[in-house]
Structures are given as C-alpha cells and as structure tokens.
C-alpha cells in the first residue's frame, strides 16, 4: 500500500468525514447519514467457489467499508458503503469496484445460506440454492475519491471498457457505473459539513494559477484552519509543501502555513506552462508563415521563368495583383 493511499484512508476513516462525503454524493448534501449511524465492517471481500474444496479463495481488500442505517420519509434502509481512494487514474477501476461489490453480495448470499442450514428451514429449490424466495440482500455502494487536480480520464462504466463494433450487443451486457468524486467537477463546496469542503476546494483550485489566485483571498482563512491530517494529505497528494505551526498570538491550535509559497509555486508553474504554450504557438505560426512564403516564392519563380501564366500565379498566391507584380520585379 503506497503512502498516498495510507494517508487518504486514514483521513476518510473518520466517521464524520465518511458521512459527509456520502451525504454529498448520495443525498446532494442533505444530512441524512449521521456519523453515529456508521458501523465499521471487515474490509476483506472473500469468496470460495461452492463445491470446489480445492479451489483457491478470491480475496480482495477494500480501503474502507462501513454499514449504516438510513432513515428517510420512505422508511429505513440498511446500506453497505465502501470508499476507494485514488491519487492517480486507475484505468480498470470500474472492474475493480465491480468485483468488490460482487464479492460482497456473494458473501451475503453465503451468510444467508449458512443460517438456513443451521435452522433447516428450506427445502427443494430453496435448499439447493441456499437462498429462499423471500430473502433479500443489503445494497452495496462503492464511492471512489480522486485526490488530485485535473480530470479523471479513465472509463466510468463497464460499457466504456468493452471492445465492441456492434453497439446493439451492449443491450445484453449489464453495465456497471463508477461512483466517482472528482474535485475538479464539484461546483458547490457548501454542500459539505466538515472540512472536506475547503480541502476539496483547495484541490480544485490548485489545478491552475488563475483559479487558485481568485480563490486565495476568500478561502485563505478556511485553508489555514485545515487539520493536520488534511495538510498531510495535501502534502502527499499534491506535493504542496505546507507546514503546521502553532499560532500562539491568536490563541488557536495548529494552523496551516506556507499558503503563499504554494500560491507562488502554482502561479509560476502556470506562467511557465503559458510561456511554453506561447512558444509552441509562435513556432507553429512561424512554420505556417514559412510555408506560405515558400509557396509564394515558387509561384513567382515559375511566372518569372515563363512556366506559369501570370494570372494563374496571382490567383494561387492569395495576394493582390499589384503586390504580386511588385514582388516579381524584386525577384528579377
């Protein structure tokens, strides 16, 4: 497990933040899931093929997995919610999360079958499947958080990964959607109740010098108040080089220092990128102008040598007749 994954996992293990990200994604910021409603679950997703004692078990380890009881006007629903943390795009994340969820459902079926065997309360087809007609499973939701600037350029559904020429085939292939949270795509950070809001907005703003500059003065106080864990996350995921200090004069605990330095670093990088883009644009413009000059010179030489009619040369040159004749005189 890499250091970014350890830091982000530790950060999101906190029940208040876990509930906050779930409420943002699942309930548009409404405070439906409470931190006290969350229960830690085993992150190991395990399955052993039935009837194959010698077969190897399939074992996958999630980042975080919690169970919760959701109470709404529609009733009470029990959910199992997992969080996967990514500092880089994982181009097969769709399949990875799909496997996590499938293994969890398989484990649920196995647990139900075990209870039926213990109670000896099913017969016939129900006995063979170990699952009664009225049995139900608990919904499993996996959220993926992208802890970096910029966009996620990987697939977001199983269908996007499939190599098919006949798209009609996809009507018969069950799709799986990636529940993805990308800071760059978040429009309203006020939907968060915890410091996840300013933290994700920091990552969102750090994508460009202009965006960070515009947000710096209004968000600075909130960014300076980020927790030590949040600062560790930014330093690991963005290489922000922020520091933690005690502000004794203000009588507050740890505050984030080094925001100005990060601002300068982002702005300098943006300026460097802008200059590079300008240089490349200038080179391309120069090459285009050179191509045009070369074509014009060829036309002038052909007309001068009597190999091309004057009217045709003027028409193909893209310049006026007077200008073409003047350049022809200079060439003679």
C-alpha atoms as a PDB file:
ATOM      1  CA  UNK A   1       0.000   0.000   0.000  1.00  0.00           C
ATOM      2  CA  UNK A   2       1.526   3.347  -1.087  1.00  0.00           C
ATOM      3  CA  UNK A   3       1.833   6.329   1.230  1.00  0.00           C
ATOM      4  CA  UNK A   4      -0.910   8.379  -0.535  1.00  0.00           C
ATOM      5  CA  UNK A   5      -3.333   5.508  -0.004  1.00  0.00           C
ATOM      6  CA  UNK A   6      -2.405   5.192   3.669  1.00  0.00           C
ATOM      7  CA  UNK A   7      -2.863   8.947   4.260  1.00  0.00           C
ATOM      8  CA  UNK A   8      -6.189   9.201   2.397  1.00  0.00           C
ATOM      9  CA  UNK A   9      -7.504   6.029   4.010  1.00  0.00           C
ATOM     10  CA  UNK A  10      -6.656   7.344   7.464  1.00  0.00           C
ATOM     11  CA  UNK A  11      -8.321  10.659   6.635  1.00  0.00           C
ATOM     12  CA  UNK A  12     -11.579   9.166   5.356  1.00  0.00           C
ATOM     13  CA  UNK A  13     -11.771   6.574   8.136  1.00  0.00           C
ATOM     14  CA  UNK A  14     -13.190   9.348  10.320  1.00  0.00           C
ATOM     15  CA  UNK A  15     -16.950   8.776  10.596  1.00  0.00           C
ATOM     16  CA  UNK A  16     -17.878  12.476  10.289  1.00  0.00           C
ATOM     17  CA  UNK A  17     -15.968  12.818   7.005  1.00  0.00           C
ATOM     18  CA  UNK A  18     -17.227   9.459   5.769  1.00  0.00           C
ATOM     19  CA  UNK A  19     -20.831  10.506   6.419  1.00  0.00           C
ATOM     20  CA  UNK A  20     -20.161  13.915   4.832  1.00  0.00           C
ATOM     21  CA  UNK A  21     -18.899  12.519   1.519  1.00  0.00           C
ATOM     22  CA  UNK A  22     -21.786  10.022   1.417  1.00  0.00           C
ATOM     23  CA  UNK A  23     -24.365  12.750   2.049  1.00  0.00           C
ATOM     24  CA  UNK A  24     -22.791  14.924  -0.646  1.00  0.00           C
ATOM     25  CA  UNK A  25     -22.811  12.188  -3.261  1.00  0.00           C
ATOM     26  CA  UNK A  26     -25.958  10.252  -2.378  1.00  0.00           C
ATOM     27  CA  UNK A  27     -28.221  12.974  -0.975  1.00  0.00           C
ATOM     28  CA  UNK A  28     -26.977  16.206  -2.593  1.00  0.00           C
ATOM     29  CA  UNK A  29     -25.611  17.489   0.705  1.00  0.00           C
ATOM     30  CA  UNK A  30     -28.630  16.729   2.877  1.00  0.00           C
ATOM     31  CA  UNK A  31     -27.606  15.421   6.284  1.00  0.00           C
ATOM     32  CA  UNK A  32     -29.273  12.013   6.016  1.00  0.00           C
ATOM     33  CA  UNK A  33     -26.458   9.729   7.165  1.00  0.00           C
ATOM     34  CA  UNK A  34     -25.229  10.517  10.682  1.00  0.00           C
ATOM     35  CA  UNK A  35     -21.701   9.654  11.867  1.00  0.00           C
ATOM     36  CA  UNK A  36     -23.180   7.695  14.782  1.00  0.00           C
ATOM     37  CA  UNK A  37     -25.163   5.563  12.321  1.00  0.00           C
ATOM     38  CA  UNK A  38     -21.970   4.145  10.800  1.00  0.00           C
ATOM     39  CA  UNK A  39     -20.565   0.771  11.801  1.00  0.00           C
ATOM     40  CA  UNK A  40     -17.132  -0.499  10.796  1.00  0.00           C
ATOM     41  CA  UNK A  41     -17.138  -3.614   8.627  1.00  0.00           C
ATOM     42  CA  UNK A  42     -14.415  -6.021   7.604  1.00  0.00           C
ATOM     43  CA  UNK A  43     -12.671  -4.619   4.507  1.00  0.00           C
ATOM     44  CA  UNK A  44     -11.800  -8.126   3.290  1.00  0.00           C
ATOM     45  CA  UNK A  45     -14.034  -9.274   0.454  1.00  0.00           C
ATOM     46  CA  UNK A  46     -13.728 -13.059   0.301  1.00  0.00           C
ATOM     47  CA  UNK A  47     -15.331 -15.782  -1.827  1.00  0.00           C
ATOM     48  CA  UNK A  48     -14.729 -19.513  -2.163  1.00  0.00           C
ATOM     49  CA  UNK A  49     -16.340 -21.315  -5.130  1.00  0.00           C
ATOM     50  CA  UNK A  50     -19.107 -23.582  -3.839  1.00  0.00           C
ATOM     51  CA  UNK A  51     -18.453 -27.292  -4.236  1.00  0.00           C
ATOM     52  CA  UNK A  52     -14.756 -26.835  -5.021  1.00  0.00           C
ATOM     53  CA  UNK A  53     -12.898 -27.530  -1.814  1.00  0.00           C
ATOM     54  CA  UNK A  54      -9.506 -27.353  -3.513  1.00  0.00           C
ATOM     55  CA  UNK A  55     -10.219 -24.082  -5.305  1.00  0.00           C
ATOM     56  CA  UNK A  56      -8.328 -21.005  -4.157  1.00  0.00           C
ATOM     57  CA  UNK A  57     -10.327 -18.346  -2.352  1.00  0.00           C
ATOM     58  CA  UNK A  58     -10.800 -14.966  -4.032  1.00  0.00           C
ATOM     59  CA  UNK A  59      -9.679 -12.298  -1.587  1.00  0.00           C
ATOM     60  CA  UNK A  60      -9.695  -8.528  -2.130  1.00  0.00           C
ATOM     61  CA  UNK A  61      -9.008  -5.810   0.408  1.00  0.00           C
ATOM     62  CA  UNK A  62     -11.019  -2.592   0.246  1.00  0.00           C
ATOM     63  CA  UNK A  63      -9.814   0.751   1.588  1.00  0.00           C
ATOM     64  CA  UNK A  64     -12.797   1.461   3.859  1.00  0.00           C
ATOM     65  CA  UNK A  65     -16.120  -0.292   4.380  1.00  0.00           C
ATOM     66  CA  UNK A  66     -18.926   0.757   6.724  1.00  0.00           C
ATOM     67  CA  UNK A  67     -22.524  -0.237   7.296  1.00  0.00           C
ATOM     68  CA  UNK A  68     -25.241   2.294   8.046  1.00  0.00           C
ATOM     69  CA  UNK A  69     -28.950   2.515   8.756  1.00  0.00           C
ATOM     70  CA  UNK A  70     -30.571   5.262   6.654  1.00  0.00           C
ATOM     71  CA  UNK A  71     -33.834   6.727   7.911  1.00  0.00           C
ATOM     72  CA  UNK A  72     -35.898   8.771   5.440  1.00  0.00           C
ATOM     73  CA  UNK A  73     -39.550   9.561   4.806  1.00  0.00           C
ATOM     74  CA  UNK A  74     -39.655   6.442   2.659  1.00  0.00           C
ATOM     75  CA  UNK A  75     -38.640   4.203   5.531  1.00  0.00           C
ATOM     76  CA  UNK A  76     -35.478   2.608   6.861  1.00  0.00           C
ATOM     77  CA  UNK A  77     -32.787   1.205   4.565  1.00  0.00           C
ATOM     78  CA  UNK A  78     -29.623  -0.568   5.564  1.00  0.00           C
ATOM     79  CA  UNK A  79     -26.635   0.136   3.307  1.00  0.00           C
ATOM     80  CA  UNK A  80     -23.073  -1.094   2.997  1.00  0.00           C
ATOM     81  CA  UNK A  81     -20.833   1.697   1.699  1.00  0.00           C
ATOM     82  CA  UNK A  82     -17.217   1.407   0.650  1.00  0.00           C
ATOM     83  CA  UNK A  83     -14.713   4.135  -0.204  1.00  0.00           C
ATOM     84  CA  UNK A  84     -11.753   3.678  -2.522  1.00  0.00           C
ATOM     85  CA  UNK A  85      -9.062   6.373  -2.604  1.00  0.00           C
ATOM     86  CA  UNK A  86      -7.118   7.157  -5.774  1.00  0.00           C
ATOM     87  CA  UNK A  87      -4.290   9.649  -6.228  1.00  0.00           C
ATOM     88  CA  UNK A  88      -3.893   8.649  -9.891  1.00  0.00           C
ATOM     89  CA  UNK A  89      -6.356   7.490 -12.516  1.00  0.00           C
ATOM     90  CA  UNK A  90      -6.919   3.740 -12.321  1.00  0.00           C
ATOM     91  CA  UNK A  91      -7.970   2.760 -15.831  1.00  0.00           C
ATOM     92  CA  UNK A  92      -9.589  -0.501 -14.709  1.00  0.00           C
ATOM     93  CA  UNK A  93     -11.271   0.965 -11.605  1.00  0.00           C
ATOM     94  CA  UNK A  94     -14.695   0.012 -12.947  1.00  0.00           C
ATOM     95  CA  UNK A  95     -13.824  -3.694 -12.926  1.00  0.00           C
ATOM     96  CA  UNK A  96     -12.042  -3.422  -9.584  1.00  0.00           C
ATOM     97  CA  UNK A  97     -15.052  -1.886  -7.822  1.00  0.00           C
ATOM     98  CA  UNK A  98     -17.471  -4.222  -9.592  1.00  0.00           C
ATOM     99  CA  UNK A  99     -15.514  -7.187  -8.201  1.00  0.00           C
ATOM    100  CA  UNK A 100     -15.579  -5.713  -4.680  1.00  0.00           C
ATOM    101  CA  UNK A 101     -19.359  -5.350  -4.839  1.00  0.00           C
ATOM    102  CA  UNK A 102     -19.915  -8.790  -6.387  1.00  0.00           C
ATOM    103  CA  UNK A 103     -17.799 -10.461  -3.705  1.00  0.00           C
ATOM    104  CA  UNK A 104     -19.770  -8.677  -1.004  1.00  0.00           C
ATOM    105  CA  UNK A 105     -23.074  -9.832  -2.461  1.00  0.00           C
ATOM    106  CA  UNK A 106     -21.664 -13.355  -2.722  1.00  0.00           C
ATOM    107  CA  UNK A 107     -20.683 -13.214   0.953  1.00  0.00           C
ATOM    108  CA  UNK A 108     -24.189 -12.062   1.855  1.00  0.00           C
ATOM    109  CA  UNK A 109     -25.703 -15.000  -0.020  1.00  0.00           C
ATOM    110  CA  UNK A 110     -23.293 -17.341   1.761  1.00  0.00           C
ATOM    111  CA  UNK A 111     -24.237 -15.916   5.157  1.00  0.00           C
ATOM    112  CA  UNK A 112     -27.953 -16.358   4.411  1.00  0.00           C
ATOM    113  CA  UNK A 113     -27.363 -19.949   3.247  1.00  0.00           C
ATOM    114  CA  UNK A 114     -25.440 -20.682   6.429  1.00  0.00           C
ATOM    115  CA  UNK A 115     -28.370 -19.510   8.546  1.00  0.00           C
ATOM    116  CA  UNK A 116     -30.795 -21.646   6.561  1.00  0.00           C
ATOM    117  CA  UNK A 117     -28.601 -24.716   7.013  1.00  0.00           C
ATOM    118  CA  UNK A 118     -28.454 -24.042  10.720  1.00  0.00           C
ATOM    119  CA  UNK A 119     -32.213 -23.616  11.030  1.00  0.00           C
ATOM    120  CA  UNK A 120     -33.044 -26.324   8.451  1.00  0.00           C
ATOM    121  CA  UNK A 121     -35.978 -24.216   7.307  1.00  0.00           C
ATOM    122  CA  UNK A 122     -35.722 -24.559   3.489  1.00  0.00           C
ATOM    123  CA  UNK A 123     -36.399 -27.416   1.102  1.00  0.00           C
ATOM    124  CA  UNK A 124     -36.437 -28.114  -2.626  1.00  0.00           C
ATOM    125  CA  UNK A 125     -35.045 -25.394  -4.897  1.00  0.00           C
ATOM    126  CA  UNK A 126     -34.507 -23.105  -1.908  1.00  0.00           C
ATOM    127  CA  UNK A 127     -32.397 -25.773  -0.228  1.00  0.00           C
ATOM    128  CA  UNK A 128     -30.267 -26.261  -3.353  1.00  0.00           C
ATOM    129  CA  UNK A 129     -29.574 -22.544  -3.751  1.00  0.00           C
ATOM    130  CA  UNK A 130     -29.359 -21.877  -0.026  1.00  0.00           C
ATOM    131  CA  UNK A 131     -31.484 -18.792  -0.687  1.00  0.00           C
ATOM    132  CA  UNK A 132     -35.216 -18.550  -0.053  1.00  0.00           C
ATOM    133  CA  UNK A 133     -37.620 -16.776  -2.379  1.00  0.00           C
ATOM    134  CA  UNK A 134     -38.294 -14.017   0.158  1.00  0.00           C
ATOM    135  CA  UNK A 135     -34.633 -13.475   1.089  1.00  0.00           C
ATOM    136  CA  UNK A 136     -33.145 -10.063   0.225  1.00  0.00           C
ATOM    137  CA  UNK A 137     -29.645  -8.594   0.072  1.00  0.00           C
ATOM    138  CA  UNK A 138     -28.268  -5.363   1.517  1.00  0.00           C
ATOM    139  CA  UNK A 139     -27.373  -2.751  -1.170  1.00  0.00           C
ATOM    140  CA  UNK A 140     -23.628  -2.209  -1.621  1.00  0.00           C
ATOM    141  CA  UNK A 141     -22.360   1.176  -2.820  1.00  0.00           C
ATOM    142  CA  UNK A 142     -18.718   1.912  -3.578  1.00  0.00           C
ATOM    143  CA  UNK A 143     -17.522   5.508  -3.903  1.00  0.00           C
ATOM    144  CA  UNK A 144     -14.167   6.380  -5.489  1.00  0.00           C
ATOM    145  CA  UNK A 145     -12.499   9.653  -4.467  1.00  0.00           C
ATOM    146  CA  UNK A 146      -9.876  11.122  -6.805  1.00  0.00           C
ATOM    147  CA  UNK A 147      -7.424  13.026  -4.600  1.00  0.00           C
ATOM    148  CA  UNK A 148      -5.685  15.047  -7.297  1.00  0.00           C
ATOM    149  CA  UNK A 149      -6.045  18.076  -9.538  1.00  0.00           C
ATOM    150  CA  UNK A 150      -7.322  17.883 -13.091  1.00  0.00           C
ATOM    151  CA  UNK A 151      -9.707  15.413 -14.631  1.00  0.00           C
ATOM    152  CA  UNK A 152     -10.208  11.667 -14.391  1.00  0.00           C
ATOM    153  CA  UNK A 153      -9.557  10.460 -17.930  1.00  0.00           C
ATOM    154  CA  UNK A 154     -10.394   6.802 -17.344  1.00  0.00           C
ATOM    155  CA  UNK A 155     -13.589   4.859 -18.007  1.00  0.00           C
ATOM    156  CA  UNK A 156     -16.600   5.499 -15.775  1.00  0.00           C
ATOM    157  CA  UNK A 157     -18.660   2.483 -16.774  1.00  0.00           C
ATOM    158  CA  UNK A 158     -18.121  -1.096 -17.865  1.00  0.00           C
ATOM    159  CA  UNK A 159     -19.574  -0.397 -21.311  1.00  0.00           C
ATOM    160  CA  UNK A 160     -16.818   2.158 -21.948  1.00  0.00           C
ATOM    161  CA  UNK A 161     -14.215  -0.566 -21.463  1.00  0.00           C
ATOM    162  CA  UNK A 162     -15.768  -3.098 -23.818  1.00  0.00           C
ATOM    163  CA  UNK A 163     -14.381  -3.556 -27.331  1.00  0.00           C
ATOM    164  CA  UNK A 164     -17.497  -3.984 -29.466  1.00  0.00           C
ATOM    165  CA  UNK A 165     -18.265  -2.972 -33.041  1.00  0.00           C
ATOM    166  CA  UNK A 166     -21.960  -3.848 -32.770  1.00  0.00           C
ATOM    167  CA  UNK A 167     -23.274  -1.464 -30.104  1.00  0.00           C
ATOM    168  CA  UNK A 168     -26.552  -3.398 -30.024  1.00  0.00           C
ATOM    169  CA  UNK A 169     -24.697  -6.110 -28.099  1.00  0.00           C
ATOM    170  CA  UNK A 170     -24.452  -3.722 -25.142  1.00  0.00           C
ATOM    171  CA  UNK A 171     -28.204  -4.054 -24.662  1.00  0.00           C
ATOM    172  CA  UNK A 172     -27.489  -7.543 -23.369  1.00  0.00           C
ATOM    173  CA  UNK A 173     -24.390  -6.743 -21.303  1.00  0.00           C
ATOM    174  CA  UNK A 174     -25.166  -5.455 -17.815  1.00  0.00           C
ATOM    175  CA  UNK A 175     -23.390  -2.160 -17.217  1.00  0.00           C
ATOM    176  CA  UNK A 176     -21.597  -1.124 -14.036  1.00  0.00           C
ATOM    177  CA  UNK A 177     -21.215   2.565 -13.205  1.00  0.00           C
ATOM    178  CA  UNK A 178     -18.274   4.050 -11.322  1.00  0.00           C
ATOM    179  CA  UNK A 179     -19.436   6.300  -8.479  1.00  0.00           C
ATOM    180  CA  UNK A 180     -16.658   8.853  -8.871  1.00  0.00           C
ATOM    181  CA  UNK A 181     -15.919  12.047  -6.926  1.00  0.00           C
ATOM    182  CA  UNK A 182     -13.504  14.401  -8.702  1.00  0.00           C
ATOM    183  CA  UNK A 183     -12.705  17.779  -7.039  1.00  0.00           C
ATOM    184  CA  UNK A 184     -12.467  19.494 -10.442  1.00  0.00           C
ATOM    185  CA  UNK A 185     -16.101  18.584 -11.152  1.00  0.00           C
ATOM    186  CA  UNK A 186     -17.577  19.839  -7.853  1.00  0.00           C
ATOM    187  CA  UNK A 187     -19.497  23.100  -8.266  1.00  0.00           C
ATOM    188  CA  UNK A 188     -20.845  23.741  -4.759  1.00  0.00           C
ATOM    189  CA  UNK A 189     -18.491  23.092  -1.857  1.00  0.00           C
ATOM    190  CA  UNK A 190     -21.052  24.413   0.622  1.00  0.00           C
ATOM    191  CA  UNK A 191     -22.792  21.046   0.433  1.00  0.00           C
ATOM    192  CA  UNK A 192     -20.141  19.684   2.788  1.00  0.00           C
ATOM    193  CA  UNK A 193     -20.485  19.989   6.553  1.00  0.00           C
ATOM    194  CA  UNK A 194     -16.915  19.095   7.544  1.00  0.00           C
ATOM    195  CA  UNK A 195     -13.546  20.409   6.380  1.00  0.00           C
ATOM    196  CA  UNK A 196     -13.913  18.175   3.322  1.00  0.00           C
ATOM    197  CA  UNK A 197     -15.428  21.239   1.652  1.00  0.00           C
ATOM    198  CA  UNK A 198     -12.374  23.526   1.919  1.00  0.00           C
ATOM    199  CA  UNK A 199      -9.999  20.588   1.419  1.00  0.00           C
ATOM    200  CA  UNK A 200     -11.596  19.513  -1.866  1.00  0.00           C
ATOM    201  CA  UNK A 201     -11.899  23.149  -2.934  1.00  0.00           C
ATOM    202  CA  UNK A 202      -8.163  23.554  -2.331  1.00  0.00           C
ATOM    203  CA  UNK A 203      -7.501  20.633  -4.677  1.00  0.00           C
ATOM    204  CA  UNK A 204      -9.997  22.059  -7.168  1.00  0.00           C
ATOM    205  CA  UNK A 205      -8.319  25.495  -7.095  1.00  0.00           C
ATOM    206  CA  UNK A 206      -4.781  24.114  -7.275  1.00  0.00           C
ATOM    207  CA  UNK A 207      -5.413  22.988 -10.852  1.00  0.00           C
ATOM    208  CA  UNK A 208      -4.448  26.420 -12.206  1.00  0.00           C
ATOM    209  CA  UNK A 209      -2.684  29.563 -11.058  1.00  0.00           C
ATOM    210  CA  UNK A 210      -5.623  31.756 -12.089  1.00  0.00           C
ATOM    211  CA  UNK A 211      -8.195  29.680 -10.213  1.00  0.00           C
ATOM    212  CA  UNK A 212      -6.048  29.499  -7.074  1.00  0.00           C
ATOM    213  CA  UNK A 213      -5.406  33.260  -7.199  1.00  0.00           C
ATOM    214  CA  UNK A 214      -9.133  34.008  -7.462  1.00  0.00           C
ATOM    215  CA  UNK A 215      -9.933  31.754  -4.501  1.00  0.00           C
ATOM    216  CA  UNK A 216      -6.906  32.584  -2.358  1.00  0.00           C
ATOM    217  CA  UNK A 217      -8.095  35.714  -0.521  1.00  0.00           C
ATOM    218  CA  UNK A 218     -11.640  34.499   0.200  1.00  0.00           C
ATOM    219  CA  UNK A 219     -10.701  30.939   1.150  1.00  0.00           C
ATOM    220  CA  UNK A 220      -7.399  31.606   2.877  1.00  0.00           C
ATOM    221  CA  UNK A 221      -8.800  31.634   6.436  1.00  0.00           C
ATOM    222  CA  UNK A 222     -10.555  28.290   5.944  1.00  0.00           C
ATOM    223  CA  UNK A 223      -7.467  26.767   4.337  1.00  0.00           C
ATOM    224  CA  UNK A 224      -5.259  27.979   7.193  1.00  0.00           C
ATOM    225  CA  UNK A 225      -7.584  26.166   9.617  1.00  0.00           C
ATOM    226  CA  UNK A 226      -7.289  22.750   7.960  1.00  0.00           C
ATOM    227  CA  UNK A 227      -6.469  19.880  10.293  1.00  0.00           C
ATOM    228  CA  UNK A 228      -3.045  18.271  10.479  1.00  0.00           C
ATOM    229  CA  UNK A 229      -4.439  15.223   8.677  1.00  0.00           C
ATOM    230  CA  UNK A 230      -5.745  17.389   5.829  1.00  0.00           C
ATOM    231  CA  UNK A 231      -2.376  19.128   5.482  1.00  0.00           C
ATOM    232  CA  UNK A 232      -0.620  15.747   5.403  1.00  0.00           C
ATOM    233  CA  UNK A 233      -3.000  14.669   2.645  1.00  0.00           C
ATOM    234  CA  UNK A 234      -2.300  17.790   0.552  1.00  0.00           C
ATOM    235  CA  UNK A 235       1.440  17.418   1.004  1.00  0.00           C
ATOM    236  CA  UNK A 236       1.381  13.779  -0.086  1.00  0.00           C
ATOM    237  CA  UNK A 237      -1.163  14.018  -2.914  1.00  0.00           C
ATOM    238  CA  UNK A 238      -0.252  17.450  -4.329  1.00  0.00           C
ATOM    239  CA  UNK A 239       3.291  17.884  -3.024  1.00  0.00           C
ATOM    240  CA  UNK A 240       2.001  21.158  -1.543  1.00  0.00           C
ATOM    241  CA  UNK A 241       4.888  21.549   0.969  1.00  0.00           C
ATOM    242  CA  UNK A 242       2.582  23.137   3.573  1.00  0.00           C
ATOM    243  CA  UNK A 243       3.670  23.418   7.198  1.00  0.00           C
ATOM    244  CA  UNK A 244       1.888  23.092  10.522  1.00  0.00           C
ATOM    245  CA  UNK A 245       2.508  25.688  13.216  1.00  0.00           C
ATOM    246  CA  UNK A 246       1.052  26.882  16.492  1.00  0.00           C
ATOM    247  CA  UNK A 247      -0.435  30.386  16.341  1.00  0.00           C
ATOM    248  CA  UNK A 248       0.003  31.403  19.989  1.00  0.00           C
ATOM    249  CA  UNK A 249      -0.883  35.063  19.447  1.00  0.00           C
ATOM    250  CA  UNK A 250      -4.339  34.206  18.121  1.00  0.00           C
ATOM    251  CA  UNK A 251      -4.808  31.543  20.747  1.00  0.00           C
ATOM    252  CA  UNK A 252      -5.667  28.866  18.222  1.00  0.00           C
ATOM    253  CA  UNK A 253      -4.261  25.409  17.684  1.00  0.00           C
ATOM    254  CA  UNK A 254      -2.413  24.238  14.625  1.00  0.00           C
ATOM    255  CA  UNK A 255      -2.762  26.391  11.519  1.00  0.00           C
ATOM    256  CA  UNK A 256      -1.570  25.777   8.008  1.00  0.00           C
ATOM    257  CA  UNK A 257       1.456  27.806   6.905  1.00  0.00           C
ATOM    258  CA  UNK A 258       3.086  28.131   3.523  1.00  0.00           C
ATOM    259  CA  UNK A 259      -0.019  29.012   1.510  1.00  0.00           C
ATOM    260  CA  UNK A 260       1.739  31.976  -0.094  1.00  0.00           C
ATOM    261  CA  UNK A 261       4.614  29.748  -1.165  1.00  0.00           C
ATOM    262  CA  UNK A 262       2.206  27.230  -2.670  1.00  0.00           C
ATOM    263  CA  UNK A 263       0.358  30.081  -4.407  1.00  0.00           C
ATOM    264  CA  UNK A 264       3.636  31.291  -5.923  1.00  0.00           C
ATOM    265  CA  UNK A 265       4.549  27.755  -6.974  1.00  0.00           C
ATOM    266  CA  UNK A 266       1.208  27.200  -8.718  1.00  0.00           C
ATOM    267  CA  UNK A 267       1.342  30.625 -10.358  1.00  0.00           C
ATOM    268  CA  UNK A 268       4.929  30.107 -11.533  1.00  0.00           C
ATOM    269  CA  UNK A 269       4.012  26.721 -12.982  1.00  0.00           C
ATOM    270  CA  UNK A 270       1.026  28.275 -14.759  1.00  0.00           C
ATOM    271  CA  UNK A 271       3.206  31.060 -16.171  1.00  0.00           C
ATOM    272  CA  UNK A 272       5.785  28.530 -17.302  1.00  0.00           C
ATOM    273  CA  UNK A 273       3.096  26.484 -18.986  1.00  0.00           C
ATOM    274  CA  UNK A 274       1.684  29.617 -20.588  1.00  0.00           C
ATOM    275  CA  UNK A 275       5.082  30.643 -21.923  1.00  0.00           C
ATOM    276  CA  UNK A 276       5.674  27.155 -23.281  1.00  0.00           C
ATOM    277  CA  UNK A 277       2.291  27.166 -24.982  1.00  0.00           C
ATOM    278  CA  UNK A 278       3.058  30.624 -26.372  1.00  0.00           C
ATOM    279  CA  UNK A 279       6.448  29.468 -27.628  1.00  0.00           C
ATOM    280  CA  UNK A 280       4.920  26.451 -29.344  1.00  0.00           C
ATOM    281  CA  UNK A 281       2.191  28.624 -30.852  1.00  0.00           C
ATOM    282  CA  UNK A 282       4.870  31.021 -32.090  1.00  0.00           C
ATOM    283  CA  UNK A 283       6.849  28.197 -33.642  1.00  0.00           C
ATOM    284  CA  UNK A 284       3.773  26.863 -35.368  1.00  0.00           C
ATOM    285  CA  UNK A 285       2.894  30.339 -36.622  1.00  0.00           C
ATOM    286  CA  UNK A 286       6.433  30.753 -37.886  1.00  0.00           C
ATOM    287  CA  UNK A 287       6.302  27.399 -39.639  1.00  0.00           C
ATOM    288  CA  UNK A 288       2.976  28.330 -41.251  1.00  0.00           C
ATOM    289  CA  UNK A 289       4.324  31.692 -42.393  1.00  0.00           C
ATOM    290  CA  UNK A 290       7.419  29.936 -43.738  1.00  0.00           C
ATOM    291  CA  UNK A 291       5.284  27.511 -45.719  1.00  0.00           C
ATOM    292  CA  UNK A 292       3.294  30.396 -47.207  1.00  0.00           C
ATOM    293  CA  UNK A 293       6.459  32.305 -48.134  1.00  0.00           C
ATOM    294  CA  UNK A 294       7.875  29.187 -49.759  1.00  0.00           C
ATOM    295  CA  UNK A 295       4.755  28.665 -51.861  1.00  0.00           C
ATOM    296  CA  UNK A 296       4.734  32.324 -52.930  1.00  0.00           C
ATOM    297  CA  UNK A 297       8.412  32.193 -53.909  1.00  0.00           C
ATOM    298  CA  UNK A 298       7.784  29.089 -56.012  1.00  0.00           C
ATOM    299  CA  UNK A 299       4.882  30.774 -57.823  1.00  0.00           C
ATOM    300  CA  UNK A 300       6.993  33.873 -58.507  1.00  0.00           C
ATOM    301  CA  UNK A 301       9.858  31.781 -59.902  1.00  0.00           C
ATOM    302  CA  UNK A 302       7.508  29.798 -62.167  1.00  0.00           C
ATOM    303  CA  UNK A 303       5.975  33.001 -63.555  1.00  0.00           C
ATOM    304  CA  UNK A 304       9.401  34.605 -63.990  1.00  0.00           C
ATOM    305  CA  UNK A 305      10.681  31.577 -65.904  1.00  0.00           C
ATOM    306  CA  UNK A 306       7.595  31.516 -68.124  1.00  0.00           C
ATOM    307  CA  UNK A 307       6.419  28.151 -66.802  1.00  0.00           C
ATOM    308  CA  UNK A 308       3.206  29.553 -65.271  1.00  0.00           C
ATOM    309  CA  UNK A 309       0.771  32.154 -66.554  1.00  0.00           C
ATOM    310  CA  UNK A 310       0.809  35.458 -64.635  1.00  0.00           C
ATOM    311  CA  UNK A 311      -2.957  35.416 -63.933  1.00  0.00           C
ATOM    312  CA  UNK A 312      -2.751  31.879 -62.586  1.00  0.00           C
ATOM    313  CA  UNK A 313       0.175  32.798 -60.332  1.00  0.00           C
ATOM    314  CA  UNK A 314      -1.685  35.794 -58.919  1.00  0.00           C
ATOM    315  CA  UNK A 315      -4.814  33.709 -58.274  1.00  0.00           C
ATOM    316  CA  UNK A 316      -2.916  30.982 -56.420  1.00  0.00           C
ATOM    317  CA  UNK A 317      -0.757  33.362 -54.385  1.00  0.00           C
ATOM    318  CA  UNK A 318      -3.599  34.765 -52.271  1.00  0.00           C
ATOM    319  CA  UNK A 319      -2.228  38.331 -52.546  1.00  0.00           C
ATOM    320  CA  UNK A 320      -3.251  41.291 -54.705  1.00  0.00           C
ATOM    321  CA  UNK A 321      -2.161  41.692 -58.327  1.00  0.00           C
ATOM    322  CA  UNK A 322      -0.163  44.856 -57.549  1.00  0.00           C
ATOM    323  CA  UNK A 323       1.662  43.136 -54.643  1.00  0.00           C
ATOM    324  CA  UNK A 324       2.414  40.050 -56.753  1.00  0.00           C
ATOM    325  CA  UNK A 325       3.848  42.150 -59.620  1.00  0.00           C
ATOM    326  CA  UNK A 326       5.941  44.202 -57.168  1.00  0.00           C
ATOM    327  CA  UNK A 327       7.445  41.025 -55.664  1.00  0.00           C
ATOM    328  CA  UNK A 328       8.032  39.690 -59.186  1.00  0.00           C
ATOM    329  CA  UNK A 329      10.052  42.819 -60.031  1.00  0.00           C
ATOM    330  CA  UNK A 330      12.137  42.374 -56.890  1.00  0.00           C
ATOM    331  CA  UNK A 331      12.844  38.782 -57.842  1.00  0.00           C
ATOM    332  CA  UNK A 332      14.017  39.614 -61.355  1.00  0.00           C
END
